[in-house]
Amino acid sequence: MDAVKVFDTWVEVPGKMLHFDVMTGDQATALRLANEYMAAQGFTAIAVTAEECRFCHQEPLVMFTEHQQAEFRQTGGFIVPLSA
């Protein structure tokens, strides 16, 4: 059974906080995916570090949708946006 590590991420951007979980297998990939997500949200100048993106717990991969499981296998992880 594949396990997904959950990295709870809080990033301050102008005027608000962004909260999202990075679901992946290791911290290096979590940081890469978090920074890609931030760039996709239009915040290319804000770098996510291990201070903002912290390991929280693990979940079995089967708990997620087929699309998320496929994304995990293809890109190493996926993002779950959350409300701040």
C-alpha atoms as a PDB file:
ATOM      1  CA  MET A   1       0.000   0.000   0.000  1.00  0.00           C
ATOM      2  CA  ASP A   2       1.317   3.424  -0.969  1.00  0.00           C
ATOM      3  CA  ALA A   3       1.396   6.066   1.724  1.00  0.00           C
ATOM      4  CA  VAL A   4       1.170   9.787   1.055  1.00  0.00           C
ATOM      5  CA  LYS A   5       2.908  12.260   3.327  1.00  0.00           C
ATOM      6  CA  VAL A   6       0.833  15.348   4.052  1.00  0.00           C
ATOM      7  CA  PHE A   7       2.738  18.641   4.262  1.00  0.00           C
ATOM      8  CA  ASP A   8       0.553  21.337   5.833  1.00  0.00           C
ATOM      9  CA  THR A   9       1.421  24.631   4.141  1.00  0.00           C
ATOM     10  CA  TRP A  10       0.644  28.203   5.154  1.00  0.00           C
ATOM     11  CA  VAL A  11       2.070  31.028   3.045  1.00  0.00           C
ATOM     12  CA  GLU A  12       1.545  34.733   3.602  1.00  0.00           C
ATOM     13  CA  VAL A  13       0.858  36.635   0.395  1.00  0.00           C
ATOM     14  CA  PRO A  14      -0.166  40.286   0.016  1.00  0.00           C
ATOM     15  CA  GLY A  15      -3.434  40.749   1.877  1.00  0.00           C
ATOM     16  CA  LYS A  16      -4.064  37.134   2.926  1.00  0.00           C
ATOM     17  CA  MET A  17      -2.781  33.726   3.924  1.00  0.00           C
ATOM     18  CA  LEU A  18      -2.848  30.792   1.526  1.00  0.00           C
ATOM     19  CA  HIS A  19      -3.426  27.388   3.088  1.00  0.00           C
ATOM     20  CA  PHE A  20      -2.958  24.147   1.204  1.00  0.00           C
ATOM     21  CA  ASP A  21      -1.731  20.620   1.743  1.00  0.00           C
ATOM     22  CA  VAL A  22       0.998  19.128  -0.408  1.00  0.00           C
ATOM     23  CA  MET A  23       0.519  15.376  -0.755  1.00  0.00           C
ATOM     24  CA  THR A  24       3.770  13.676  -1.721  1.00  0.00           C
ATOM     25  CA  GLY A  25       6.484  11.270  -0.605  1.00  0.00           C
ATOM     26  CA  ASP A  26       9.264  13.581   0.620  1.00  0.00           C
ATOM     27  CA  GLN A  27      10.037  17.137   1.657  1.00  0.00           C
ATOM     28  CA  ALA A  28      12.077  18.058  -1.435  1.00  0.00           C
ATOM     29  CA  THR A  29       9.150  17.167  -3.701  1.00  0.00           C
ATOM     30  CA  ALA A  30       6.740  18.949  -1.352  1.00  0.00           C
ATOM     31  CA  LEU A  31       8.739  22.159  -1.663  1.00  0.00           C
ATOM     32  CA  ARG A  32       8.967  21.837  -5.454  1.00  0.00           C
ATOM     33  CA  LEU A  33       5.215  21.261  -5.784  1.00  0.00           C
ATOM     34  CA  ALA A  34       4.406  24.071  -3.325  1.00  0.00           C
ATOM     35  CA  ASN A  35       6.524  26.533  -5.290  1.00  0.00           C
ATOM     36  CA  GLU A  36       4.971  25.407  -8.589  1.00  0.00           C
ATOM     37  CA  TYR A  37       1.522  25.873  -7.052  1.00  0.00           C
ATOM     38  CA  MET A  38       2.422  29.360  -5.820  1.00  0.00           C
ATOM     39  CA  ALA A  39       3.668  30.305  -9.295  1.00  0.00           C
ATOM     40  CA  ALA A  40       0.430  29.000 -10.823  1.00  0.00           C
ATOM     41  CA  GLN A  41      -1.482  31.233  -8.371  1.00  0.00           C
ATOM     42  CA  GLY A  42       0.495  34.255  -9.628  1.00  0.00           C
ATOM     43  CA  PHE A  43       2.939  34.486  -6.704  1.00  0.00           C
ATOM     44  CA  THR A  44       6.218  33.719  -8.477  1.00  0.00           C
ATOM     45  CA  ALA A  45       8.227  36.052  -6.221  1.00  0.00           C
ATOM     46  CA  ILE A  46       7.249  34.184  -3.025  1.00  0.00           C
ATOM     47  CA  ALA A  47       9.395  31.152  -2.229  1.00  0.00           C
ATOM     48  CA  VAL A  48       7.935  28.421  -0.030  1.00  0.00           C
ATOM     49  CA  THR A  49      10.436  26.995   2.461  1.00  0.00           C
ATOM     50  CA  ALA A  50      10.379  24.184   5.008  1.00  0.00           C
ATOM     51  CA  GLU A  51       9.230  26.796   7.527  1.00  0.00           C
ATOM     52  CA  GLU A  52       5.886  27.202   5.708  1.00  0.00           C
ATOM     53  CA  CYS A  53       5.577  23.636   4.393  1.00  0.00           C
ATOM     54  CA  ARG A  54       5.748  21.147   7.258  1.00  0.00           C
ATOM     55  CA  PHE A  55       5.213  17.412   7.432  1.00  0.00           C
ATOM     56  CA  CYS A  56       2.001  16.713   9.316  1.00  0.00           C
ATOM     57  CA  HIS A  57       1.002  13.049   8.927  1.00  0.00           C
ATOM     58  CA  GLN A  58       0.566  10.184   6.424  1.00  0.00           C
ATOM     59  CA  GLU A  59      -2.526   8.861   4.663  1.00  0.00           C
ATOM     60  CA  PRO A  60      -3.020   5.799   2.454  1.00  0.00           C
ATOM     61  CA  LEU A  61      -3.007   6.749  -1.223  1.00  0.00           C
ATOM     62  CA  VAL A  62      -6.256   4.812  -1.754  1.00  0.00           C
ATOM     63  CA  MET A  63      -8.102   7.485   0.268  1.00  0.00           C
ATOM     64  CA  PHE A  64      -7.767   9.914  -2.628  1.00  0.00           C
ATOM     65  CA  THR A  65      -9.534  10.131  -5.977  1.00  0.00           C
ATOM     66  CA  GLU A  66      -8.301   8.188  -8.990  1.00  0.00           C
ATOM     67  CA  HIS A  67      -7.218  11.486 -10.555  1.00  0.00           C
ATOM     68  CA  GLN A  68      -5.175  12.408  -7.461  1.00  0.00           C
ATOM     69  CA  GLN A  69      -3.634   8.938  -7.328  1.00  0.00           C
ATOM     70  CA  ALA A  70      -2.634   9.226 -10.989  1.00  0.00           C
ATOM     71  CA  GLU A  71      -1.169  12.690 -10.406  1.00  0.00           C
ATOM     72  CA  PHE A  72       0.790  11.338  -7.434  1.00  0.00           C
ATOM     73  CA  ARG A  73       2.269   8.584  -9.582  1.00  0.00           C
ATOM     74  CA  GLN A  74       2.992  10.862 -12.569  1.00  0.00           C
ATOM     75  CA  THR A  75       4.336  14.013 -10.899  1.00  0.00           C
ATOM     76  CA  GLY A  76       5.246  12.856  -7.413  1.00  0.00           C
ATOM     77  CA  GLY A  77       2.341  14.508  -5.638  1.00  0.00           C
ATOM     78  CA  PHE A  78      -0.599  16.861  -5.720  1.00  0.00           C
ATOM     79  CA  ILE A  79      -2.014  19.915  -3.970  1.00  0.00           C
ATOM     80  CA  VAL A  80      -5.205  20.110  -1.925  1.00  0.00           C
ATOM     81  CA  PRO A  81      -6.278  23.772  -1.552  1.00  0.00           C
ATOM     82  CA  LEU A  82      -7.788  24.581   1.857  1.00  0.00           C
ATOM     83  CA  SER A  83      -9.514  27.609   3.319  1.00  0.00           C
ATOM     84  CA  ALA A  84      -7.370  29.778   5.551  1.00  0.00           C
END
